[in-house]
């Protein structure tokens, strides 16, 4: 059995992705900063018949992130899929004229350094398997900069550029890299923004290596 590692696992999108990929035969590693949170989520998934475990990791702490991914691979099996979608912190969501250097440094640690660290940890295992997927989920500012949320707009631009370069570089190795853009809020029961629907879009990216970016729905017009 191989593993999907979900970084930023929560009870919305993260749980839906866990259930979708778990139903397709993957073991599930759940990563977030709070060990109790991921332990509780893992218990729910295990109760549904999935093989899931939780690991505490801070995406802004490379040592904790690499250690958690290493433990997950040892416990559950090699990581074939990495899904990166931690929720941005409030200081990343300030208007551009209120955003400080410290805010940007934190946002870039979160959305650029974190993915680079995670990919560096899991890529050797994917190469050994001869396959893999690296999947990113971002809000609308990942595709269109929004001056109301400057930190994420700047950091997501870097994340998207990194992901696009990975997509182009790793395609020849059967390692897919894709990005799901989710304009607006995730809403249970919504026809396009329900967590299960979004998990299906990530599964689509995993199974369609020719595609890089998909959208949950159309981006709203620019203001």
C-alpha atoms as a PDB file:
ATOM      1  CA  UNK A   1       0.000   0.000   0.000  1.00  0.00           C
ATOM      2  CA  UNK A   2       1.134   3.524  -0.733  1.00  0.00           C
ATOM      3  CA  UNK A   3       0.210   6.687   1.137  1.00  0.00           C
ATOM      4  CA  UNK A   4      -1.306  10.101   0.569  1.00  0.00           C
ATOM      5  CA  UNK A   5       0.116  12.754   2.911  1.00  0.00           C
ATOM      6  CA  UNK A   6      -2.329  15.608   3.479  1.00  0.00           C
ATOM      7  CA  UNK A   7      -0.601  18.709   4.820  1.00  0.00           C
ATOM      8  CA  UNK A   8      -3.049  21.024   6.525  1.00  0.00           C
ATOM      9  CA  UNK A   9      -5.573  18.257   7.197  1.00  0.00           C
ATOM     10  CA  UNK A  10      -8.843  19.470   8.652  1.00  0.00           C
ATOM     11  CA  UNK A  11     -12.463  18.354   8.820  1.00  0.00           C
ATOM     12  CA  UNK A  12     -13.401  20.091   5.568  1.00  0.00           C
ATOM     13  CA  UNK A  13     -11.290  19.611   2.463  1.00  0.00           C
ATOM     14  CA  UNK A  14      -8.632  17.515   4.198  1.00  0.00           C
ATOM     15  CA  UNK A  15     -11.124  14.948   5.477  1.00  0.00           C
ATOM     16  CA  UNK A  16     -12.834  14.782   2.091  1.00  0.00           C
ATOM     17  CA  UNK A  17      -9.514  14.214   0.316  1.00  0.00           C
ATOM     18  CA  UNK A  18      -8.636  11.535   2.873  1.00  0.00           C
ATOM     19  CA  UNK A  19     -11.903   9.716   2.242  1.00  0.00           C
ATOM     20  CA  UNK A  20     -11.634   9.968  -1.547  1.00  0.00           C
ATOM     21  CA  UNK A  21      -8.068   8.726  -1.792  1.00  0.00           C
ATOM     22  CA  UNK A  22      -8.560   6.256   1.043  1.00  0.00           C
ATOM     23  CA  UNK A  23     -11.496   4.717  -0.828  1.00  0.00           C
ATOM     24  CA  UNK A  24      -9.168   4.319  -3.802  1.00  0.00           C
ATOM     25  CA  UNK A  25      -6.763   2.223  -1.745  1.00  0.00           C
ATOM     26  CA  UNK A  26      -4.342   4.727  -0.235  1.00  0.00           C
ATOM     27  CA  UNK A  27      -3.240   4.835   3.372  1.00  0.00           C
ATOM     28  CA  UNK A  28      -3.729   8.340   4.766  1.00  0.00           C
ATOM     29  CA  UNK A  29      -1.218  10.471   6.683  1.00  0.00           C
ATOM     30  CA  UNK A  30      -2.828  13.564   8.233  1.00  0.00           C
ATOM     31  CA  UNK A  31      -0.510  16.458   9.082  1.00  0.00           C
ATOM     32  CA  UNK A  32      -1.332  19.602  11.022  1.00  0.00           C
ATOM     33  CA  UNK A  33       0.152  21.588  13.890  1.00  0.00           C
ATOM     34  CA  UNK A  34      -2.158  20.041  16.501  1.00  0.00           C
ATOM     35  CA  UNK A  35      -1.574  16.369  17.312  1.00  0.00           C
ATOM     36  CA  UNK A  36      -4.923  15.924  19.057  1.00  0.00           C
ATOM     37  CA  UNK A  37      -6.716  17.384  16.049  1.00  0.00           C
ATOM     38  CA  UNK A  38      -5.214  14.911  13.591  1.00  0.00           C
ATOM     39  CA  UNK A  39      -5.521  12.021  16.036  1.00  0.00           C
ATOM     40  CA  UNK A  40      -9.267  12.694  16.338  1.00  0.00           C
ATOM     41  CA  UNK A  41      -9.633  12.963  12.572  1.00  0.00           C
ATOM     42  CA  UNK A  42      -7.630   9.762  12.067  1.00  0.00           C
ATOM     43  CA  UNK A  43      -9.884   7.975  14.547  1.00  0.00           C
ATOM     44  CA  UNK A  44     -12.970   9.027  12.576  1.00  0.00           C
ATOM     45  CA  UNK A  45     -11.437   7.799   9.318  1.00  0.00           C
ATOM     46  CA  UNK A  46     -10.290   4.553  10.885  1.00  0.00           C
ATOM     47  CA  UNK A  47     -13.838   4.046  12.104  1.00  0.00           C
ATOM     48  CA  UNK A  48     -14.928   4.320   8.469  1.00  0.00           C
ATOM     49  CA  UNK A  49     -12.536   1.519   7.536  1.00  0.00           C
ATOM     50  CA  UNK A  50      -9.599   3.565   6.274  1.00  0.00           C
ATOM     51  CA  UNK A  51      -5.957   3.215   7.299  1.00  0.00           C
ATOM     52  CA  UNK A  52      -5.166   6.671   8.706  1.00  0.00           C
ATOM     53  CA  UNK A  53      -2.758   8.203  11.216  1.00  0.00           C
ATOM     54  CA  UNK A  54      -2.073  11.725  12.426  1.00  0.00           C
ATOM     55  CA  UNK A  55       1.267  13.525  12.656  1.00  0.00           C
ATOM     56  CA  UNK A  56       2.006  16.920  14.187  1.00  0.00           C
ATOM     57  CA  UNK A  57       4.003  19.216  11.913  1.00  0.00           C
ATOM     58  CA  UNK A  58       4.412  22.949  11.367  1.00  0.00           C
ATOM     59  CA  UNK A  59       4.974  23.868   7.713  1.00  0.00           C
ATOM     60  CA  UNK A  60       7.112  26.806   8.879  1.00  0.00           C
ATOM     61  CA  UNK A  61       9.411  24.419  10.783  1.00  0.00           C
ATOM     62  CA  UNK A  62      11.322  22.319   8.214  1.00  0.00           C
ATOM     63  CA  UNK A  63      12.618  19.839  10.783  1.00  0.00           C
ATOM     64  CA  UNK A  64       9.157  19.039  12.129  1.00  0.00           C
ATOM     65  CA  UNK A  65       7.728  18.736   8.612  1.00  0.00           C
ATOM     66  CA  UNK A  66      10.409  16.415   7.279  1.00  0.00           C
ATOM     67  CA  UNK A  67      10.302  14.305  10.464  1.00  0.00           C
ATOM     68  CA  UNK A  68       6.513  13.897  10.218  1.00  0.00           C
ATOM     69  CA  UNK A  69       6.661  12.897   6.557  1.00  0.00           C
ATOM     70  CA  UNK A  70       9.455  10.438   7.299  1.00  0.00           C
ATOM     71  CA  UNK A  71       7.447   8.840  10.126  1.00  0.00           C
ATOM     72  CA  UNK A  72       4.369   8.621   7.926  1.00  0.00           C
ATOM     73  CA  UNK A  73       6.263   6.791   5.190  1.00  0.00           C
ATOM     74  CA  UNK A  74       7.750   4.382   7.709  1.00  0.00           C
ATOM     75  CA  UNK A  75       4.392   3.717   9.402  1.00  0.00           C
ATOM     76  CA  UNK A  76       2.059   3.571   6.407  1.00  0.00           C
ATOM     77  CA  UNK A  77       4.127   2.959   3.293  1.00  0.00           C
ATOM     78  CA  UNK A  78       5.835   5.145   0.710  1.00  0.00           C
ATOM     79  CA  UNK A  79       4.200   8.490  -0.026  1.00  0.00           C
ATOM     80  CA  UNK A  80       2.815   8.390  -3.551  1.00  0.00           C
ATOM     81  CA  UNK A  81       0.654  11.514  -3.259  1.00  0.00           C
ATOM     82  CA  UNK A  82       1.407  14.769  -1.439  1.00  0.00           C
ATOM     83  CA  UNK A  83      -1.498  17.194  -1.025  1.00  0.00           C
ATOM     84  CA  UNK A  84      -0.644  20.668   0.297  1.00  0.00           C
ATOM     85  CA  UNK A  85      -3.484  22.883   1.502  1.00  0.00           C
ATOM     86  CA  UNK A  86      -2.895  24.376   4.964  1.00  0.00           C
ATOM     87  CA  UNK A  87      -5.218  27.273   5.803  1.00  0.00           C
ATOM     88  CA  UNK A  88      -3.442  30.663   5.612  1.00  0.00           C
ATOM     89  CA  UNK A  89      -2.993  32.485   8.895  1.00  0.00           C
ATOM     90  CA  UNK A  90      -4.785  35.809   9.558  1.00  0.00           C
ATOM     91  CA  UNK A  91      -1.677  37.975   9.113  1.00  0.00           C
ATOM     92  CA  UNK A  92      -1.444  36.763   5.502  1.00  0.00           C
ATOM     93  CA  UNK A  93      -4.868  38.226   4.736  1.00  0.00           C
ATOM     94  CA  UNK A  94      -4.243  41.930   5.311  1.00  0.00           C
ATOM     95  CA  UNK A  95      -4.663  44.656   2.669  1.00  0.00           C
ATOM     96  CA  UNK A  96      -1.550  45.425   0.668  1.00  0.00           C
ATOM     97  CA  UNK A  97      -0.837  48.777   2.363  1.00  0.00           C
ATOM     98  CA  UNK A  98      -1.094  47.165   5.808  1.00  0.00           C
ATOM     99  CA  UNK A  99       1.115  44.186   4.984  1.00  0.00           C
ATOM    100  CA  UNK A 100       4.557  44.291   6.557  1.00  0.00           C
ATOM    101  CA  UNK A 101       7.831  42.613   5.704  1.00  0.00           C
ATOM    102  CA  UNK A 102       7.299  40.264   8.641  1.00  0.00           C
ATOM    103  CA  UNK A 103       3.854  39.329   7.292  1.00  0.00           C
ATOM    104  CA  UNK A 104       5.337  38.520   3.892  1.00  0.00           C
ATOM    105  CA  UNK A 105       8.221  36.547   5.364  1.00  0.00           C
ATOM    106  CA  UNK A 106       5.761  34.376   7.284  1.00  0.00           C
ATOM    107  CA  UNK A 107       3.500  33.925   4.253  1.00  0.00           C
ATOM    108  CA  UNK A 108       6.422  32.875   2.066  1.00  0.00           C
ATOM    109  CA  UNK A 109       7.633  30.426   4.701  1.00  0.00           C
ATOM    110  CA  UNK A 110       4.112  28.999   4.734  1.00  0.00           C
ATOM    111  CA  UNK A 111       3.409  28.819   0.994  1.00  0.00           C
ATOM    112  CA  UNK A 112       6.862  28.483  -0.598  1.00  0.00           C
ATOM    113  CA  UNK A 113       9.386  27.148   1.896  1.00  0.00           C
ATOM    114  CA  UNK A 114       6.863  24.636   3.255  1.00  0.00           C
ATOM    115  CA  UNK A 115       6.118  23.081  -0.155  1.00  0.00           C
ATOM    116  CA  UNK A 116       9.801  23.054  -1.117  1.00  0.00           C
ATOM    117  CA  UNK A 117      10.617  21.252   2.145  1.00  0.00           C
ATOM    118  CA  UNK A 118       7.803  18.727   1.711  1.00  0.00           C
ATOM    119  CA  UNK A 119       8.605  17.995  -1.923  1.00  0.00           C
ATOM    120  CA  UNK A 120      12.274  17.534  -1.119  1.00  0.00           C
ATOM    121  CA  UNK A 121      11.307  14.938   1.483  1.00  0.00           C
ATOM    122  CA  UNK A 122       8.860  12.886  -0.606  1.00  0.00           C
ATOM    123  CA  UNK A 123      10.337  13.137  -4.103  1.00  0.00           C
ATOM    124  CA  UNK A 124      13.027  10.449  -3.649  1.00  0.00           C
ATOM    125  CA  UNK A 125      10.345   7.945  -2.644  1.00  0.00           C
ATOM    126  CA  UNK A 126       8.181   8.847  -5.631  1.00  0.00           C
ATOM    127  CA  UNK A 127      11.156   8.355  -7.902  1.00  0.00           C
ATOM    128  CA  UNK A 128      11.746   4.935  -6.375  1.00  0.00           C
ATOM    129  CA  UNK A 129       8.082   4.044  -6.998  1.00  0.00           C
ATOM    130  CA  UNK A 130       8.307   5.407 -10.532  1.00  0.00           C
ATOM    131  CA  UNK A 131       5.149   7.465 -10.058  1.00  0.00           C
ATOM    132  CA  UNK A 132       3.542  10.065  -7.829  1.00  0.00           C
ATOM    133  CA  UNK A 133       1.454  13.206  -7.554  1.00  0.00           C
ATOM    134  CA  UNK A 134       2.076  16.543  -5.854  1.00  0.00           C
ATOM    135  CA  UNK A 135      -1.184  18.452  -5.523  1.00  0.00           C
ATOM    136  CA  UNK A 136      -1.716  22.026  -4.363  1.00  0.00           C
ATOM    137  CA  UNK A 137      -5.025  23.643  -3.386  1.00  0.00           C
ATOM    138  CA  UNK A 138      -5.179  27.440  -3.246  1.00  0.00           C
ATOM    139  CA  UNK A 139      -7.764  30.178  -2.983  1.00  0.00           C
ATOM    140  CA  UNK A 140      -8.599  32.528  -5.812  1.00  0.00           C
ATOM    141  CA  UNK A 141      -5.631  34.778  -5.036  1.00  0.00           C
ATOM    142  CA  UNK A 142      -3.473  31.898  -6.252  1.00  0.00           C
ATOM    143  CA  UNK A 143      -4.574  32.770  -9.779  1.00  0.00           C
ATOM    144  CA  UNK A 144      -5.399  36.481  -9.483  1.00  0.00           C
ATOM    145  CA  UNK A 145      -3.631  38.789  -6.997  1.00  0.00           C
ATOM    146  CA  UNK A 146      -6.071  40.436  -4.609  1.00  0.00           C
ATOM    147  CA  UNK A 147      -4.950  43.632  -2.818  1.00  0.00           C
ATOM    148  CA  UNK A 148      -7.278  42.805   0.067  1.00  0.00           C
ATOM    149  CA  UNK A 149      -5.210  39.685   0.891  1.00  0.00           C
ATOM    150  CA  UNK A 150      -1.705  40.724  -0.081  1.00  0.00           C
ATOM    151  CA  UNK A 151       0.257  38.094   1.819  1.00  0.00           C
ATOM    152  CA  UNK A 152      -1.477  35.125   0.229  1.00  0.00           C
ATOM    153  CA  UNK A 153      -1.495  36.806  -3.184  1.00  0.00           C
ATOM    154  CA  UNK A 154       2.272  37.236  -3.146  1.00  0.00           C
ATOM    155  CA  UNK A 155       3.079  33.902  -1.515  1.00  0.00           C
ATOM    156  CA  UNK A 156       0.584  31.919  -3.622  1.00  0.00           C
ATOM    157  CA  UNK A 157       2.176  33.418  -6.745  1.00  0.00           C
ATOM    158  CA  UNK A 158       5.483  31.927  -5.645  1.00  0.00           C
ATOM    159  CA  UNK A 159       3.819  28.613  -4.796  1.00  0.00           C
ATOM    160  CA  UNK A 160       2.124  28.496  -8.193  1.00  0.00           C
ATOM    161  CA  UNK A 161       5.363  29.266 -10.009  1.00  0.00           C
ATOM    162  CA  UNK A 162       7.147  26.522  -8.081  1.00  0.00           C
ATOM    163  CA  UNK A 163       4.343  24.063  -8.810  1.00  0.00           C
ATOM    164  CA  UNK A 164       4.324  24.913 -12.521  1.00  0.00           C
ATOM    165  CA  UNK A 165       8.073  24.395 -12.769  1.00  0.00           C
ATOM    166  CA  UNK A 166       7.757  21.071 -10.970  1.00  0.00           C
ATOM    167  CA  UNK A 167       4.975  20.041 -13.363  1.00  0.00           C
ATOM    168  CA  UNK A 168       7.141  20.761 -16.394  1.00  0.00           C
ATOM    169  CA  UNK A 169      10.267  19.201 -14.895  1.00  0.00           C
ATOM    170  CA  UNK A 170       8.818  15.991 -13.430  1.00  0.00           C
ATOM    171  CA  UNK A 171       6.349  15.027 -16.170  1.00  0.00           C
ATOM    172  CA  UNK A 172       8.943  12.834 -17.866  1.00  0.00           C
ATOM    173  CA  UNK A 173       9.300  10.852 -14.605  1.00  0.00           C
ATOM    174  CA  UNK A 174       5.550  10.051 -14.345  1.00  0.00           C
ATOM    175  CA  UNK A 175       5.218  12.414 -11.378  1.00  0.00           C
ATOM    176  CA  UNK A 176       2.190  14.655 -11.753  1.00  0.00           C
ATOM    177  CA  UNK A 177       2.068  18.145 -10.256  1.00  0.00           C
ATOM    178  CA  UNK A 178      -1.228  20.007 -10.271  1.00  0.00           C
ATOM    179  CA  UNK A 179      -3.006  22.962  -8.689  1.00  0.00           C
ATOM    180  CA  UNK A 180      -6.661  23.350  -7.774  1.00  0.00           C
ATOM    181  CA  UNK A 181      -7.871  26.958  -7.506  1.00  0.00           C
ATOM    182  CA  UNK A 182     -10.884  27.441  -5.225  1.00  0.00           C
ATOM    183  CA  UNK A 183     -12.370  30.949  -5.643  1.00  0.00           C
ATOM    184  CA  UNK A 184     -14.389  31.820  -2.553  1.00  0.00           C
ATOM    185  CA  UNK A 185     -15.260  29.728   0.476  1.00  0.00           C
ATOM    186  CA  UNK A 186     -15.541  25.959   0.767  1.00  0.00           C
ATOM    187  CA  UNK A 187     -19.231  25.219   1.500  1.00  0.00           C
ATOM    188  CA  UNK A 188     -20.740  21.833   2.352  1.00  0.00           C
ATOM    189  CA  UNK A 189     -23.643  21.112   0.019  1.00  0.00           C
ATOM    190  CA  UNK A 190     -22.523  23.631  -2.603  1.00  0.00           C
ATOM    191  CA  UNK A 191     -22.543  22.244  -6.173  1.00  0.00           C
ATOM    192  CA  UNK A 192     -18.923  23.226  -6.864  1.00  0.00           C
ATOM    193  CA  UNK A 193     -17.419  24.125  -3.470  1.00  0.00           C
ATOM    194  CA  UNK A 194     -18.534  21.144  -1.402  1.00  0.00           C
ATOM    195  CA  UNK A 195     -15.460  19.401   0.095  1.00  0.00           C
ATOM    196  CA  UNK A 196     -16.324  16.086  -1.566  1.00  0.00           C
ATOM    197  CA  UNK A 197     -16.645  17.775  -4.960  1.00  0.00           C
ATOM    198  CA  UNK A 198     -13.292  19.494  -4.482  1.00  0.00           C
ATOM    199  CA  UNK A 199     -11.697  16.204  -3.429  1.00  0.00           C
ATOM    200  CA  UNK A 200     -12.957  14.800  -6.699  1.00  0.00           C
ATOM    201  CA  UNK A 201     -11.219  17.600  -8.569  1.00  0.00           C
ATOM    202  CA  UNK A 202      -7.959  16.730  -6.836  1.00  0.00           C
ATOM    203  CA  UNK A 203      -8.463  13.071  -7.756  1.00  0.00           C
ATOM    204  CA  UNK A 204      -8.959  14.241 -11.354  1.00  0.00           C
ATOM    205  CA  UNK A 205      -5.607  16.025 -11.234  1.00  0.00           C
ATOM    206  CA  UNK A 206      -3.979  12.902  -9.823  1.00  0.00           C
ATOM    207  CA  UNK A 207      -5.312  10.806 -12.690  1.00  0.00           C
ATOM    208  CA  UNK A 208      -4.779  13.346 -15.514  1.00  0.00           C
ATOM    209  CA  UNK A 209      -1.049  14.109 -15.599  1.00  0.00           C
ATOM    210  CA  UNK A 210      -1.393  16.270 -18.702  1.00  0.00           C
ATOM    211  CA  UNK A 211      -3.263  18.953 -16.720  1.00  0.00           C
ATOM    212  CA  UNK A 212      -1.664  21.468 -14.377  1.00  0.00           C
ATOM    213  CA  UNK A 213      -4.372  23.840 -13.126  1.00  0.00           C
ATOM    214  CA  UNK A 214      -8.095  23.324 -12.653  1.00  0.00           C
ATOM    215  CA  UNK A 215     -10.676  25.650 -11.118  1.00  0.00           C
ATOM    216  CA  UNK A 216     -13.505  24.776  -8.759  1.00  0.00           C
ATOM    217  CA  UNK A 217     -15.618  27.105 -10.899  1.00  0.00           C
ATOM    218  CA  UNK A 218     -15.233  30.292 -12.899  1.00  0.00           C
ATOM    219  CA  UNK A 219     -13.291  33.113 -11.297  1.00  0.00           C
ATOM    220  CA  UNK A 220     -15.512  36.124 -10.522  1.00  0.00           C
ATOM    221  CA  UNK A 221     -14.846  39.250 -12.597  1.00  0.00           C
ATOM    222  CA  UNK A 222     -12.017  41.478 -11.417  1.00  0.00           C
ATOM    223  CA  UNK A 223     -13.199  44.463  -9.403  1.00  0.00           C
END
